[in-house]
Every structure is written in structure tokens, then in C-alpha cells.
Protein backbone atom coordinates (compact mmCIF):
# COMPACT_ATOMS: atom_id res chain seq x y z
CA MET A 1 -9.76 23.12 -6.11
CA ALA A 2 -7.70 21.62 -9.07
CA ASN A 3 -4.02 20.10 -8.90
CA PRO A 4 -1.90 22.51 -10.34
CA HIS A 5 0.99 19.58 -10.77
CA LEU A 6 -1.60 17.41 -12.51
CA ALA A 7 -2.38 18.23 -16.02
CA PHE A 8 -2.16 15.21 -17.21
CA GLY A 9 -1.36 11.93 -16.27
CA PHE A 10 1.31 11.76 -13.64
CA PRO A 11 3.26 14.65 -13.38
CA ALA A 12 6.79 15.57 -15.11
CA PHE A 13 8.58 14.47 -11.62
CA TRP A 14 6.84 11.24 -11.18
CA PRO A 15 8.33 8.89 -9.87
CA PRO A 16 10.68 10.64 -8.05
CA PRO A 17 14.10 10.41 -8.43
CA SER A 18 16.25 7.87 -6.85
CA PRO A 19 17.65 9.03 -3.48
CA SER A 20 20.98 10.73 -4.17
CA SER A 21 24.50 11.11 -1.61
CA SER A 22 22.46 14.37 -0.54
CA PHE A 23 18.84 12.82 0.07
CA ALA A 24 18.22 13.06 3.60
CA GLU A 25 15.33 10.36 4.49
CA ARG A 26 13.02 10.72 6.81
CA SER A 27 10.45 8.34 7.73
CA ILE A 28 7.04 7.75 10.15
CA GLY A 29 5.04 4.56 10.79
CA HIS A 30 6.57 1.84 8.11
CA TYR A 31 7.12 4.54 5.44
CA THR A 32 9.97 6.68 4.12
CA ASN A 33 10.54 9.57 1.45
CA SER A 34 12.66 7.32 -0.69
CA GLN A 35 9.41 5.22 -1.13
CA GLY A 36 6.98 5.66 -4.04
CA ILE A 37 3.43 5.20 -2.04
CA LEU A 38 0.15 4.65 -2.83
CA LEU A 39 -2.77 5.42 -0.65
CA VAL A 40 -6.38 4.43 -1.56
CA GLY A 41 -9.75 5.06 -0.16
CA GLU A 42 -8.45 8.21 1.76
CA GLY A 43 -11.48 9.97 3.63
CA ASP A 44 -10.44 13.72 4.65
CA PHE A 45 -6.87 12.82 3.46
CA SER A 46 -5.44 12.77 7.14
CA PHE A 47 -3.24 9.79 6.66
CA SER A 48 -1.11 11.08 3.30
CA ASN A 49 -1.41 14.69 4.73
CA ALA A 50 0.53 12.97 8.35
CA LEU A 51 3.16 11.68 5.43
CA ALA A 52 3.63 14.66 4.04
CA ASN A 53 4.07 16.66 6.95
CA ALA A 54 6.11 14.14 8.44
CA PHE A 55 8.37 14.25 4.66
CA GLY A 56 8.39 17.81 3.85
CA THR A 57 8.03 17.30 0.01
CA ALA A 58 5.12 14.87 -0.44
CA ARG A 59 7.02 13.83 -4.40
CA ASN A 60 7.03 10.77 -3.19
CA VAL A 61 3.42 10.27 -2.48
CA VAL A 62 0.30 9.50 -4.94
CA ALA A 63 -2.78 9.45 -2.45
CA THR A 64 -6.33 8.91 -4.16
CA SER A 65 -9.90 8.84 -2.92
CA LEU A 66 -13.04 7.06 -4.03
CA ASP A 67 -15.23 10.12 -3.23
CA SER A 68 -14.87 13.12 -6.55
CA GLU A 69 -12.86 16.36 -4.97
CA ASP A 70 -16.21 18.51 -4.64
CA LYS A 71 -18.11 15.11 -2.21
CA VAL A 72 -14.56 15.16 -0.69
CA LEU A 73 -15.08 18.96 0.34
CA ALA A 74 -18.97 18.69 1.01
CA SER A 75 -18.13 15.75 3.53
CA TYR A 76 -15.03 16.44 5.04
CA PRO A 77 -14.12 19.92 6.72
CA ALA A 78 -10.56 18.55 7.14
CA ALA A 79 -10.04 18.09 3.54
CA HIS A 80 -10.14 22.12 3.28
CA VAL A 81 -6.78 22.02 4.64
CA THR A 82 -5.08 18.53 4.23
CA LEU A 83 -5.96 18.92 0.72
CA PRO A 84 -3.83 22.01 -0.13
CA ASN A 85 -1.24 20.89 1.97
CA LEU A 86 -0.87 17.88 0.45
CA ILE A 87 -0.86 19.79 -3.51
CA ASN A 88 1.93 22.52 -1.88
CA ARG A 89 4.04 19.85 -1.09
CA ARG A 90 3.84 18.10 -4.38
CA ALA A 91 1.62 15.22 -3.86
CA VAL A 92 -0.48 13.84 -6.45
CA VAL A 93 -3.89 13.73 -5.86
CA LEU A 94 -6.17 11.85 -7.74
CA HIS A 95 -10.24 11.67 -6.87
CA GLU A 96 -12.65 8.74 -8.37
CA ILE A 97 -9.92 6.56 -8.02
CA ASP A 98 -11.33 2.45 -7.26
CA ALA A 99 -9.14 0.34 -5.56
CA THR A 100 -10.96 -2.50 -7.45
CA ARG A 101 -10.09 -1.90 -10.45
CA MET A 102 -6.66 0.54 -10.63
CA ALA A 103 -5.10 -1.39 -12.19
CA SER A 104 -6.92 -1.55 -15.07
CA TYR A 105 -6.55 2.84 -15.20
CA GLU A 106 -3.81 3.97 -18.52
CA LEU A 107 -3.14 6.55 -15.92
CA PHE A 108 -1.24 4.03 -14.12
CA ARG A 109 0.45 2.53 -17.14
CA ASN A 110 4.00 1.46 -16.64
CA ILE A 111 3.47 2.70 -13.17
CA ALA A 112 4.48 0.55 -10.11
CA PHE A 113 5.00 1.43 -6.52
CA ASP A 114 7.00 0.38 -3.54
CA ARG A 115 4.08 0.74 -1.34
CA ILE A 116 0.66 0.29 -1.75
CA VAL A 117 -1.44 1.27 1.35
CA TYR A 118 -5.79 0.81 2.10
CA ASN A 119 -6.59 1.69 6.06
CA PHE A 120 -9.60 0.51 7.11
CA PRO A 121 -11.05 -0.67 3.80
CA HIS A 122 -14.89 -0.80 3.83
CA ALA A 123 -17.29 -2.30 1.35
CA GLY A 124 -20.22 0.62 2.86
CA PHE A 125 -23.39 0.28 5.55
CA SER A 126 -25.78 -2.22 3.92
CA GLY A 127 -26.54 -3.87 6.86
CA LYS A 128 -24.76 -5.63 10.50
CA GLU A 129 -21.19 -5.93 10.20
CA GLU A 130 -21.93 -10.03 11.64
CA SER A 131 -24.22 -10.23 8.39
CA LYS A 132 -22.96 -13.25 6.03
CA SER A 133 -24.34 -10.81 3.33
CA VAL A 134 -22.11 -7.69 4.22
CA ILE A 135 -19.22 -9.86 5.27
CA LYS A 136 -19.35 -11.45 1.51
CA LYS A 137 -19.36 -7.39 0.81
CA HIS A 138 -16.30 -7.10 1.89
CA LYS A 139 -14.36 -10.19 1.27
CA VAL A 140 -15.38 -9.20 -2.61
CA LEU A 141 -14.05 -5.33 -1.74
CA VAL A 142 -10.38 -6.81 0.03
CA ARG A 143 -9.98 -9.16 -2.34
CA LEU A 144 -10.36 -7.04 -5.35
CA PHE A 145 -7.99 -4.74 -4.14
CA PHE A 146 -5.77 -7.24 -3.45
CA GLN A 147 -5.92 -8.23 -7.00
CA ASN A 148 -5.10 -4.19 -8.40
CA ALA A 149 -2.63 -4.14 -5.95
CA ALA A 150 -0.49 -7.34 -6.82
CA ARG A 151 -0.50 -5.48 -10.79
CA ILE A 152 1.03 -2.21 -9.67
CA VAL A 153 3.30 -2.47 -6.70
CA LYS A 154 6.92 -3.66 -7.37
CA LEU A 155 8.09 -6.71 -7.43
CA HIS A 156 9.74 -6.58 -4.08
CA GLY A 157 7.15 -3.88 -2.70
CA GLU A 158 4.50 -4.03 -0.22
CA VAL A 159 0.66 -3.96 -0.33
CA HIS A 160 -0.30 -2.76 3.29
CA VAL A 161 -3.73 -3.17 5.14
CA SER A 162 -4.91 -2.11 8.01
CA HIS A 163 -7.67 -3.48 9.78
CA LYS A 164 -9.63 -4.46 13.41
CA VAL A 165 -8.47 -7.49 14.46
CA LYS A 166 -11.30 -8.53 16.11
CA PRO A 167 -15.06 -10.34 15.12
CA PRO A 168 -16.45 -10.25 12.47
CA TYR A 169 -13.65 -8.34 10.97
CA THR A 170 -11.41 -11.27 11.39
CA GLU A 171 -14.42 -13.76 8.89
CA TRP A 172 -12.76 -11.03 6.64
CA LYS A 173 -9.70 -13.73 6.07
CA LEU A 174 -7.19 -10.96 4.61
CA GLU A 175 -4.52 -14.10 3.87
CA LYS A 176 -6.70 -15.69 2.26
CA GLN A 177 -8.35 -13.18 0.02
CA ALA A 178 -4.75 -11.67 -0.62
CA ALA A 179 -3.49 -15.55 -2.09
CA LYS A 180 -6.40 -15.12 -4.36
CA GLY A 181 -4.62 -12.03 -5.40
CA GLY A 182 -0.92 -13.78 -5.48
CA LEU A 183 -0.01 -12.28 -2.03
CA LEU A 184 1.20 -13.80 1.33
CA LEU A 185 1.57 -12.18 4.59
CA LYS A 186 5.09 -11.45 5.15
CA ASP A 187 4.50 -9.56 8.33
CA CYS A 188 1.41 -8.64 10.64
CA CYS A 189 2.06 -5.46 13.48
CA ASP A 190 0.17 -2.99 16.40
CA PHE A 191 -1.62 -0.33 14.43
CA ASP A 192 -1.25 3.16 16.75
CA PRO A 193 -3.19 6.34 15.05
CA LEU A 194 -0.60 8.04 17.22
CA ASP A 195 2.29 7.08 14.88
CA TYR A 196 0.80 9.42 12.17
CA PRO A 197 -0.10 13.13 13.59
CA GLY A 198 -3.23 14.54 12.55
CA TYR A 199 -4.74 10.84 10.97
CA ASN A 200 -8.12 10.57 12.15
CA ASN A 201 -10.08 7.73 10.02
CA ARG A 202 -13.36 8.62 9.38
CA ARG A 203 -16.71 6.46 8.74
CA GLY A 204 -16.68 7.57 5.08
CA GLU A 205 -20.01 6.95 4.29
CA GLY A 206 -23.91 8.24 5.34
CA THR A 207 -24.32 11.77 6.78
CA ASP A 208 -22.11 10.73 8.94
CA CYS A 209 -18.80 10.25 7.05
CA ALA A 210 -16.83 12.55 8.56
CA LYS A 211 -16.87 11.03 12.58
CA THR A 212 -14.64 8.71 13.30
CA PHE A 213 -15.11 5.49 14.91
CA HIS A 214 -13.93 3.26 17.19
CA LEU A 215 -10.59 1.55 16.17
CA GLY A 216 -9.90 -1.40 19.47
CA ALA A 217 -7.31 -3.74 18.17
CA CYS A 218 -6.36 -3.42 14.64
CA LYS A 219 -3.06 -3.77 12.65
CA THR A 220 -1.08 -3.56 9.63
CA PHE A 221 -0.76 -6.31 7.62
CA LYS A 222 2.14 -6.43 5.13
CA PHE A 223 1.91 -8.22 2.05
CA VAL A 224 4.36 -9.74 -0.64
CA SER A 225 4.29 -10.86 -4.09
CA GLU A 226 4.04 -15.12 -3.07
CA TYR A 227 7.33 -15.19 -6.15
CA ILE A 228 9.10 -13.35 -3.90
CA SER A 229 8.32 -15.85 -0.95
CA PHE A 230 9.11 -18.76 -3.66
CA LEU A 231 12.74 -16.99 -4.29
CA SER A 232 13.35 -16.58 -0.89
CA TRP A 233 12.50 -19.73 0.14
CA TRP A 234 14.45 -21.22 -3.28
CA PHE A 235 17.39 -18.96 -1.93
CA ALA A 236 17.29 -20.02 1.63
CA MET A 237 17.10 -23.63 0.04
CA LEU A 238 20.11 -23.72 -2.79
CA LEU A 239 22.67 -21.75 0.11
CA SER A 240 21.87 -24.35 2.31
CA ARG A 241 22.55 -27.17 0.23
CA PHE A 242 25.99 -24.84 -1.06
CA LEU A 243 27.07 -24.84 2.38
CA PHE A 244 26.31 -28.37 3.47
CA SER A 245 28.86 -29.46 0.93
CA ALA A 246 31.54 -26.83 1.12
CA THR A 247 34.54 -28.13 1.80
CA SER A 248 36.61 -24.62 2.15
CA GLN A 249 36.16 -20.93 2.46
CA GLN A 250 36.70 -20.94 -0.88
CA ASP A 251 34.79 -22.92 -1.56
CA VAL A 252 31.92 -20.93 0.56
CA THR A 253 32.20 -18.08 -1.04
CA SER A 254 31.78 -19.47 -4.40
CA SER A 255 28.24 -20.86 -3.22
CA VAL A 256 27.26 -17.78 -2.22
CA ARG A 257 27.87 -16.21 -5.21
CA ILE A 258 26.12 -19.30 -6.80
CA CYS A 259 23.25 -19.06 -4.47
CA CYS A 260 22.77 -14.83 -5.31
CA SER A 261 22.96 -14.88 -9.36
CA ALA A 262 20.12 -17.76 -8.84
CA LEU A 263 18.19 -15.33 -6.72
CA LEU A 264 19.01 -12.37 -9.05
CA THR A 265 17.63 -14.58 -11.77
CA ARG A 266 13.31 -14.44 -12.98
CA PRO A 267 11.43 -17.62 -13.27
CA ARG A 268 9.61 -16.78 -16.71
CA GLY A 269 6.55 -14.86 -15.54
CA LEU A 270 8.23 -12.51 -13.78
CA SER A 271 8.22 -9.64 -15.66
CA SER A 272 4.61 -8.17 -15.50
CA TYR A 273 5.55 -7.54 -11.62
CA ALA A 274 8.26 -5.28 -11.53
């Protein structure tokens, strides 16, 4: 099933046009149709399909899988429905995209996303989940993902990872792995699959790859560039200093303008994160 909207590289309509006065914003969960969204590690594409259905048109969605198209169709019966729907709704669908190397792809050169989403990353079933060697593989997976995501997310964008929050999954130390990629935790909220109608989590490997697995307690972790966190702190410090020294309304207005100007001035080295 070839994607007719992807002859070579990204189609002409990507990135999607900026919202106009006639633009009707639609949302689902943490996402809106005004955001450029990259989804990695999709199994049967039911999550990206839920977004596409909610948005009406999925011109802002890039949905990817590590598996080839043939393997996706052979492994997941639902993909025979989700993939055509995504294409009909004008999503960009890509296969054989490795989330641990994606920033090096020519395909993603000169493109940055508002949101990068990886739901329940997993390095494969090579032993018991509590095994130190298995945990180490999972750590490497998420660390490399964060390092790559940090290079192709917009300066004010976010990287989302939905993940179980009980042992041994907490041993992956998501925040620590993200920090190694230059990302800091901004927020953490409960993940409810019912917020995304039609979404079904899949095992993703072996003869039972199309079967679901028990989620239990899980959350969506939202990460941002460490530079944004630094700028926010910098702005707050400047604003408090100027406001403290202001003696009139005119001084307050002037102080706010100075701080806003400082916030909009990028420190050296930030251009590659835009």
C-alpha cells in the first residue's frame, strides 16, 4: 500500500499552513490540529488514527513505524483499516523509521515538530522485565530516542512519552535519560487510552505482537528543551529584579518590556534547536 502523498521526501503540503482566521481548531487529549505532530514506534497505527479522526484532516500528522509496511500489514489486522484512513485524511505515513537514529535522516532535515510522541517504548522481549540487562536495553532505547527527538523538536515544542509508572518500568529513569538528551520534564499527567477512541496498545513483537497488554498505572511525561527551562528561569529572575526596583507604573511597564526583549534574545547555540 503505497502512500500516494509521499512520492519523495515530504509532500508539498508539509509543513501544514499556519492557522488562518477561518481555521477551526480541533483537539484530542494533549494534541490539536494546529500542531505539527510526529508519532514514532506506531504498531497498528491506531493512536495516530485516533488523532486523524478527531482532526478530520491529518495534514499535521506524521505517523511512523519501525517495521516495514509489509510487516505492519501482516502483523496487525487493524492496519488494513488504519493505514488507508490515515492516507485518505492526508497524513504522512512512513515505515522503517528508527526513533534512535531519525535525526540523521535526510528526510527530516530542515523539519521540526511541535510535538514528538512515543507511546510505551520497548526494546523487545529478551528476558524478564526486571532483569538488569533488559532494563539496560530499555534505558539505551529511550536515551537515544530523547537525543534524536531533541534535535528535531521546535524550540518551544514538547516530547511526549507515555509509560508505566510502577517497577520495574520506573527503573528506566526516564527523566535521567531525557536529561542526557538535553530535555527536562515539564509536566506529567495520567494516561487514559479512552481519551483516544479506537486506540489499542500492542505488544509489538513475536507471534503475539497484535495482542494488547495490561497498562495499569501509566502517565504521559512531557519534556521540553533545557534551554526553554533556562530562559523561563532567566525571565522570571529579570522580571522580579526589575519589578522590585520599579517605583512607578511607567517603570513597571518599562521593566516588562526589557524582560520580554531579553527572553526573545536567544543565547548563542540555540539556532539548531529552532
